[in-house]
Amino acid sequence: MTMKRQETAGAETCEVRRIHPADVMNARAGLEEESTYRSLAELFGALADPTRAKIVHTLLRQELCTCDIAAVAGISESGASQHLRVLRSLRLVKARRAGKFVYYSLDDTHIALLVRVGLTHLGHAQAVAGGLPTLNGERAG
């Protein structure tokens, strides 16, 4: 029995309700632990805030101190610190102290890749001007 799928608005449901046990078992075998999905949701939740997304996007290009991040994002230094605390706790950004200043940068290339892919998906070619990092560290795009 083949299953017809709707191809119009509301295509989220099948016309015929029938579970395919082998497909379900195969798909479940590829799942991670539940805690992994909670962590993934927290990661994307952090980027769901427009100000935090702007901060991370800014840090794609250069390391900045807290004061500069606040100025770029158009928020108070206190507000910047609160956002940076969230981003640090999720290992999206890292801090480096230099005398009286604390400079922030992206924690690793995976974060840059997430943001660049997201912006590319939205059609912002400028976001990938430097190319997407590949697994071997070379630039693509």
N, C-alpha and C. Protein backbone atom coordinates (compact mmCIF):
# COMPACT_ATOMS: atom_id res chain seq x y z
N MET A 1 0.85 -1.17 0.00
CA MET A 1 0.00 0.00 0.00
C MET A 1 0.89 1.24 0.00
N THR A 2 0.73 2.07 -0.96
CA THR A 2 1.50 3.32 -1.00
C THR A 2 0.73 4.40 -0.27
N MET A 3 1.49 5.34 0.26
CA MET A 3 0.87 6.40 1.02
C MET A 3 0.93 7.68 0.20
N LYS A 4 -0.22 8.27 -0.06
CA LYS A 4 -0.27 9.55 -0.74
C LYS A 4 0.03 10.64 0.28
N ARG A 5 0.84 11.58 -0.12
CA ARG A 5 1.14 12.70 0.75
C ARG A 5 0.56 13.96 0.12
N GLN A 6 -0.01 14.81 0.95
CA GLN A 6 -0.54 16.07 0.46
C GLN A 6 0.60 16.95 0.03
N GLU A 7 0.42 17.70 -1.04
CA GLU A 7 1.46 18.59 -1.53
C GLU A 7 0.97 20.03 -1.60
N THR A 8 0.04 20.37 -0.75
CA THR A 8 -0.50 21.72 -0.73
C THR A 8 -0.33 22.28 0.68
N ALA A 9 -0.87 23.46 0.89
CA ALA A 9 -0.84 24.03 2.24
C ALA A 9 -1.44 23.01 3.20
N GLY A 10 -0.83 22.85 4.35
CA GLY A 10 -1.29 21.86 5.30
C GLY A 10 -0.72 20.48 4.99
N ALA A 11 0.37 20.44 4.25
CA ALA A 11 0.97 19.17 3.83
C ALA A 11 1.68 18.44 4.96
N GLU A 12 1.49 18.89 6.19
CA GLU A 12 2.19 18.28 7.32
C GLU A 12 1.64 16.90 7.67
N THR A 13 0.48 16.55 7.15
CA THR A 13 -0.12 15.26 7.50
C THR A 13 -0.33 14.41 6.25
N CYS A 14 -0.25 13.12 6.44
CA CYS A 14 -0.50 12.17 5.35
C CYS A 14 -2.00 12.03 5.17
N GLU A 15 -2.41 11.67 3.97
CA GLU A 15 -3.83 11.43 3.73
C GLU A 15 -4.27 10.10 4.33
N VAL A 16 -3.34 9.16 4.43
CA VAL A 16 -3.62 7.85 5.02
C VAL A 16 -2.73 7.70 6.23
N ARG A 17 -3.30 7.37 7.38
CA ARG A 17 -2.52 7.20 8.60
C ARG A 17 -2.05 5.76 8.69
N ARG A 18 -0.73 5.55 8.55
CA ARG A 18 -0.14 4.22 8.65
C ARG A 18 1.31 4.38 9.07
N ILE A 19 1.67 3.80 10.18
CA ILE A 19 3.05 3.85 10.66
C ILE A 19 3.84 2.75 9.97
N HIS A 20 5.08 3.09 9.56
CA HIS A 20 5.98 2.14 8.93
C HIS A 20 7.02 1.74 9.97
N PRO A 21 6.83 0.62 10.65
CA PRO A 21 7.69 0.24 11.79
C PRO A 21 9.19 0.22 11.46
N ALA A 22 9.58 -0.29 10.31
CA ALA A 22 11.00 -0.35 9.97
C ALA A 22 11.58 1.06 9.82
N ASP A 23 10.82 1.96 9.21
CA ASP A 23 11.28 3.34 9.06
C ASP A 23 11.41 4.03 10.41
N VAL A 24 10.43 3.80 11.28
CA VAL A 24 10.47 4.40 12.62
C VAL A 24 11.66 3.86 13.40
N MET A 25 11.90 2.56 13.35
CA MET A 25 13.01 1.95 14.08
C MET A 25 14.35 2.48 13.54
N ASN A 26 14.47 2.60 12.24
CA ASN A 26 15.68 3.12 11.63
C ASN A 26 15.92 4.58 12.04
N ALA A 27 14.87 5.39 12.02
CA ALA A 27 15.00 6.79 12.41
C ALA A 27 15.36 6.92 13.89
N ARG A 28 14.73 6.13 14.75
CA ARG A 28 15.04 6.19 16.18
C ARG A 28 16.47 5.76 16.47
N ALA A 29 17.00 4.84 15.68
CA ALA A 29 18.38 4.37 15.89
C ALA A 29 19.38 5.49 15.68
N GLY A 30 19.02 6.49 14.89
CA GLY A 30 19.90 7.61 14.62
C GLY A 30 19.79 8.76 15.61
N LEU A 31 18.89 8.64 16.58
CA LEU A 31 18.70 9.71 17.56
C LEU A 31 19.78 9.70 18.63
N GLU A 32 20.01 10.86 19.21
CA GLU A 32 20.94 11.02 20.34
C GLU A 32 20.16 10.91 21.64
N GLU A 33 20.89 11.02 22.76
CA GLU A 33 20.26 11.04 24.07
C GLU A 33 19.38 12.28 24.18
N GLU A 34 18.34 12.22 25.00
CA GLU A 34 17.42 13.35 25.18
C GLU A 34 18.15 14.60 25.64
N SER A 35 19.17 14.44 26.47
CA SER A 35 19.92 15.59 26.97
C SER A 35 20.61 16.34 25.83
N THR A 36 20.98 15.65 24.78
CA THR A 36 21.61 16.29 23.62
C THR A 36 20.64 17.26 22.96
N TYR A 37 19.38 16.87 22.87
CA TYR A 37 18.39 17.74 22.23
C TYR A 37 18.03 18.92 23.13
N ARG A 38 18.08 18.73 24.44
CA ARG A 38 17.88 19.86 25.35
C ARG A 38 19.01 20.87 25.16
N SER A 39 20.24 20.37 25.09
CA SER A 39 21.39 21.26 24.89
C SER A 39 21.33 21.95 23.53
N LEU A 40 20.92 21.24 22.52
CA LEU A 40 20.78 21.83 21.18
C LEU A 40 19.72 22.92 21.18
N ALA A 41 18.61 22.67 21.87
CA ALA A 41 17.55 23.68 21.96
C ALA A 41 18.05 24.91 22.71
N GLU A 42 18.84 24.72 23.75
CA GLU A 42 19.42 25.86 24.48
C GLU A 42 20.35 26.66 23.59
N LEU A 43 21.16 25.96 22.80
CA LEU A 43 22.07 26.63 21.87
C LEU A 43 21.31 27.51 20.90
N PHE A 44 20.31 26.94 20.23
CA PHE A 44 19.54 27.72 19.28
C PHE A 44 18.67 28.75 19.98
N GLY A 45 18.25 28.45 21.20
CA GLY A 45 17.50 29.43 21.98
C GLY A 45 18.32 30.67 22.26
N ALA A 46 19.61 30.48 22.53
CA ALA A 46 20.49 31.63 22.77
C ALA A 46 20.58 32.49 21.52
N LEU A 47 20.62 31.86 20.36
CA LEU A 47 20.70 32.60 19.11
C LEU A 47 19.33 33.11 18.66
N ALA A 48 18.27 32.69 19.34
CA ALA A 48 16.93 33.15 18.99
C ALA A 48 16.69 34.59 19.45
N ASP A 49 17.51 35.07 20.35
CA ASP A 49 17.41 36.46 20.80
C ASP A 49 18.13 37.35 19.78
N PRO A 50 17.45 38.34 19.21
CA PRO A 50 18.07 39.18 18.17
C PRO A 50 19.35 39.88 18.62
N THR A 51 19.41 40.34 19.86
CA THR A 51 20.62 41.02 20.32
C THR A 51 21.78 40.04 20.42
N ARG A 52 21.54 38.85 20.95
CA ARG A 52 22.62 37.86 21.04
C ARG A 52 23.06 37.42 19.66
N ALA A 53 22.11 37.26 18.73
CA ALA A 53 22.47 36.90 17.36
C ALA A 53 23.34 37.99 16.74
N LYS A 54 23.01 39.24 17.01
CA LYS A 54 23.79 40.37 16.49
C LYS A 54 25.21 40.36 17.08
N ILE A 55 25.31 40.07 18.37
CA ILE A 55 26.62 40.01 19.03
C ILE A 55 27.47 38.91 18.41
N VAL A 56 26.89 37.74 18.26
CA VAL A 56 27.64 36.62 17.68
C VAL A 56 28.05 36.94 16.25
N HIS A 57 27.14 37.52 15.47
CA HIS A 57 27.46 37.89 14.10
C HIS A 57 28.61 38.89 14.05
N THR A 58 28.59 39.86 14.95
CA THR A 58 29.66 40.85 15.02
C THR A 58 31.01 40.18 15.32
N LEU A 59 30.98 39.20 16.20
CA LEU A 59 32.22 38.52 16.59
C LEU A 59 32.75 37.57 15.52
N LEU A 60 31.99 37.38 14.45
CA LEU A 60 32.51 36.60 13.31
C LEU A 60 33.74 37.28 12.72
N ARG A 61 33.74 38.61 12.72
CA ARG A 61 34.77 39.39 12.05
C ARG A 61 35.94 39.78 12.94
N GLN A 62 35.66 40.01 14.23
CA GLN A 62 36.74 40.49 15.08
C GLN A 62 36.41 40.31 16.55
N GLU A 63 37.45 40.27 17.33
CA GLU A 63 37.35 40.24 18.78
C GLU A 63 37.02 41.66 19.24
N LEU A 64 36.14 41.78 20.23
CA LEU A 64 35.76 43.09 20.75
C LEU A 64 35.67 43.06 22.27
N CYS A 65 35.90 44.22 22.89
CA CYS A 65 35.72 44.32 24.34
C CYS A 65 34.24 44.55 24.64
N THR A 66 33.89 44.38 25.89
CA THR A 66 32.50 44.52 26.32
C THR A 66 31.92 45.88 25.93
N CYS A 67 32.67 46.95 26.14
CA CYS A 67 32.19 48.30 25.82
C CYS A 67 31.88 48.43 24.33
N ASP A 68 32.76 47.91 23.50
CA ASP A 68 32.56 47.98 22.05
C ASP A 68 31.37 47.14 21.61
N ILE A 69 31.21 45.97 22.22
CA ILE A 69 30.06 45.11 21.90
C ILE A 69 28.76 45.85 22.23
N ALA A 70 28.73 46.51 23.39
CA ALA A 70 27.55 47.27 23.78
C ALA A 70 27.25 48.37 22.76
N ALA A 71 28.29 49.08 22.33
CA ALA A 71 28.12 50.17 21.36
C ALA A 71 27.62 49.64 20.02
N VAL A 72 28.19 48.54 19.55
CA VAL A 72 27.77 47.96 18.27
C VAL A 72 26.32 47.49 18.34
N ALA A 73 25.96 46.83 19.43
CA ALA A 73 24.61 46.27 19.57
C ALA A 73 23.58 47.33 19.96
N GLY A 74 24.04 48.51 20.38
CA GLY A 74 23.13 49.56 20.78
C GLY A 74 22.44 49.29 22.10
N ILE A 75 23.19 48.69 23.04
CA ILE A 75 22.65 48.37 24.36
C ILE A 75 23.62 48.88 25.42
N SER A 76 23.20 48.83 26.67
CA SER A 76 24.07 49.26 27.76
C SER A 76 25.17 48.23 27.99
N GLU A 77 26.22 48.65 28.67
CA GLU A 77 27.29 47.71 29.00
C GLU A 77 26.77 46.60 29.91
N SER A 78 25.87 46.97 30.81
CA SER A 78 25.26 45.97 31.69
C SER A 78 24.47 44.95 30.88
N GLY A 79 23.71 45.44 29.90
CA GLY A 79 22.95 44.54 29.03
C GLY A 79 23.86 43.64 28.22
N ALA A 80 24.95 44.21 27.72
CA ALA A 80 25.92 43.41 26.96
C ALA A 80 26.50 42.32 27.84
N SER A 81 26.85 42.68 29.06
CA SER A 81 27.41 41.69 29.99
C SER A 81 26.44 40.54 30.25
N GLN A 82 25.17 40.87 30.39
CA GLN A 82 24.16 39.82 30.62
C GLN A 82 24.07 38.89 29.41
N HIS A 83 24.04 39.46 28.21
CA HIS A 83 23.98 38.63 27.00
C HIS A 83 25.25 37.79 26.86
N LEU A 84 26.40 38.40 27.13
CA LEU A 84 27.67 37.68 27.02
C LEU A 84 27.76 36.54 28.04
N ARG A 85 27.18 36.74 29.20
CA ARG A 85 27.16 35.68 30.22
C ARG A 85 26.41 34.46 29.69
N VAL A 86 25.26 34.68 29.04
CA VAL A 86 24.48 33.59 28.45
C VAL A 86 25.30 32.91 27.36
N LEU A 87 25.90 33.70 26.49
CA LEU A 87 26.67 33.14 25.38
C LEU A 87 27.89 32.36 25.87
N ARG A 88 28.52 32.84 26.92
CA ARG A 88 29.67 32.12 27.49
C ARG A 88 29.24 30.81 28.13
N SER A 89 28.11 30.83 28.83
CA SER A 89 27.66 29.61 29.51
C SER A 89 27.35 28.49 28.52
N LEU A 90 26.99 28.84 27.30
CA LEU A 90 26.71 27.86 26.26
C LEU A 90 27.90 27.63 25.34
N ARG A 91 29.04 28.23 25.68
CA ARG A 91 30.29 28.09 24.94
C ARG A 91 30.17 28.58 23.49
N LEU A 92 29.40 29.65 23.32
CA LEU A 92 29.33 30.29 22.01
C LEU A 92 30.43 31.32 21.87
N VAL A 93 30.78 31.98 22.97
CA VAL A 93 31.86 32.95 22.97
C VAL A 93 32.82 32.63 24.11
N LYS A 94 34.03 33.15 23.98
CA LYS A 94 35.02 33.01 25.04
C LYS A 94 35.59 34.39 25.35
N ALA A 95 36.10 34.53 26.56
CA ALA A 95 36.61 35.82 27.02
C ALA A 95 38.12 35.74 27.22
N ARG A 96 38.76 36.89 27.01
CA ARG A 96 40.20 37.03 27.23
C ARG A 96 40.42 38.36 27.91
N ARG A 97 41.08 38.34 29.07
CA ARG A 97 41.36 39.57 29.80
C ARG A 97 42.70 40.11 29.35
N ALA A 98 42.72 41.43 29.09
CA ALA A 98 43.96 42.13 28.73
C ALA A 98 43.99 43.40 29.57
N GLY A 99 44.64 43.33 30.68
CA GLY A 99 44.67 44.49 31.59
C GLY A 99 43.30 44.74 32.16
N LYS A 100 42.79 45.94 31.92
CA LYS A 100 41.47 46.31 32.43
C LYS A 100 40.33 45.95 31.48
N PHE A 101 40.64 45.39 30.34
CA PHE A 101 39.63 45.08 29.33
C PHE A 101 39.39 43.59 29.25
N VAL A 102 38.14 43.22 28.92
CA VAL A 102 37.78 41.84 28.63
C VAL A 102 37.33 41.79 27.18
N TYR A 103 38.05 41.00 26.39
CA TYR A 103 37.75 40.87 24.97
C TYR A 103 37.02 39.55 24.72
N TYR A 104 36.05 39.61 23.84
CA TYR A 104 35.28 38.43 23.49
C TYR A 104 35.50 38.04 22.05
N SER A 105 35.47 36.74 21.81
CA SER A 105 35.57 36.19 20.46
C SER A 105 34.70 34.94 20.42
N LEU A 106 34.46 34.43 19.22
CA LEU A 106 33.71 33.19 19.11
C LEU A 106 34.51 32.05 19.71
N ASP A 107 33.82 31.12 20.32
CA ASP A 107 34.50 30.02 20.99
C ASP A 107 35.24 29.12 20.01
N ASP A 108 34.63 28.83 18.86
CA ASP A 108 35.31 28.01 17.85
C ASP A 108 34.65 28.20 16.48
N THR A 109 35.20 27.55 15.48
CA THR A 109 34.70 27.73 14.10
C THR A 109 33.31 27.14 13.91
N HIS A 110 32.89 26.24 14.79
CA HIS A 110 31.55 25.67 14.65
C HIS A 110 30.48 26.75 14.84
N ILE A 111 30.73 27.67 15.74
CA ILE A 111 29.78 28.75 15.98
C ILE A 111 29.72 29.65 14.75
N ALA A 112 30.87 29.96 14.18
CA ALA A 112 30.91 30.77 12.96
C ALA A 112 30.14 30.06 11.84
N LEU A 113 30.32 28.77 11.74
CA LEU A 113 29.63 28.00 10.71
C LEU A 113 28.12 28.07 10.90
N LEU A 114 27.65 27.91 12.14
CA LEU A 114 26.21 27.99 12.42
C LEU A 114 25.62 29.32 11.95
N VAL A 115 26.28 30.40 12.31
CA VAL A 115 25.78 31.72 11.97
C VAL A 115 25.85 31.96 10.47
N ARG A 116 26.95 31.59 9.86
CA ARG A 116 27.10 31.80 8.41
C ARG A 116 26.08 30.99 7.62
N VAL A 117 25.86 29.75 8.01
CA VAL A 117 24.88 28.93 7.31
C VAL A 117 23.49 29.52 7.49
N GLY A 118 23.17 29.97 8.70
CA GLY A 118 21.87 30.58 8.94
C GLY A 118 21.67 31.82 8.10
N LEU A 119 22.67 32.67 8.04
CA LEU A 119 22.56 33.90 7.24
C LEU A 119 22.51 33.59 5.75
N THR A 120 23.25 32.59 5.32
CA THR A 120 23.20 32.19 3.91
C THR A 120 21.80 31.68 3.58
N HIS A 121 21.23 30.90 4.48
CA HIS A 121 19.88 30.40 4.28
C HIS A 121 18.88 31.54 4.13
N LEU A 122 19.10 32.61 4.87
CA LEU A 122 18.21 33.78 4.80
C LEU A 122 18.52 34.68 3.61
N GLY A 123 19.60 34.39 2.88
CA GLY A 123 19.92 35.14 1.68
C GLY A 123 20.85 36.32 1.90
N HIS A 124 21.62 36.29 2.97
CA HIS A 124 22.55 37.38 3.24
C HIS A 124 23.96 36.96 2.83
N ALA A 125 24.28 37.14 1.56
CA ALA A 125 25.56 36.70 1.00
C ALA A 125 26.74 37.37 1.68
N GLN A 126 26.58 38.58 2.17
CA GLN A 126 27.66 39.31 2.82
C GLN A 126 28.19 38.52 4.03
N ALA A 127 27.33 37.74 4.66
CA ALA A 127 27.72 37.00 5.85
C ALA A 127 28.77 35.94 5.56
N VAL A 128 28.86 35.51 4.32
CA VAL A 128 29.80 34.46 3.98
C VAL A 128 30.91 34.97 3.08
N ALA A 129 31.16 36.23 3.14
CA ALA A 129 32.19 36.83 2.28
C ALA A 129 33.54 36.16 2.47
N GLY A 130 33.83 35.71 3.67
CA GLY A 130 35.09 35.03 3.93
C GLY A 130 35.04 33.55 3.63
N GLY A 131 33.92 33.05 3.19
CA GLY A 131 33.78 31.64 2.90
C GLY A 131 33.40 30.86 4.15
N LEU A 132 32.76 29.74 3.96
CA LEU A 132 32.40 28.87 5.08
C LEU A 132 33.58 28.00 5.47
N PRO A 133 33.85 27.86 6.76
CA PRO A 133 34.93 26.95 7.14
C PRO A 133 34.51 25.51 6.84
N THR A 134 35.44 24.73 6.35
CA THR A 134 35.18 23.32 6.07
C THR A 134 35.78 22.49 7.19
N LEU A 135 35.57 21.18 7.13
CA LEU A 135 36.08 20.30 8.18
C LEU A 135 37.60 20.31 8.27
N ASN A 136 38.29 20.51 7.15
CA ASN A 136 39.75 20.49 7.17
C ASN A 136 40.35 21.86 7.37
N GLY A 137 39.51 22.86 7.67
CA GLY A 137 40.02 24.19 7.98
C GLY A 137 40.18 25.11 6.77
N GLU A 138 40.03 24.57 5.55
CA GLU A 138 40.11 25.42 4.37
C GLU A 138 38.81 26.19 4.23
N ARG A 139 38.80 27.15 3.36
CA ARG A 139 37.60 27.94 3.13
C ARG A 139 36.86 27.44 1.90
N ALA A 140 35.55 27.41 2.00
CA ALA A 140 34.70 27.04 0.86
C ALA A 140 33.87 28.26 0.51
N GLY A 141 33.29 28.26 -0.66
CA GLY A 141 32.35 29.32 -1.04
C GLY A 141 33.06 30.46 -1.59
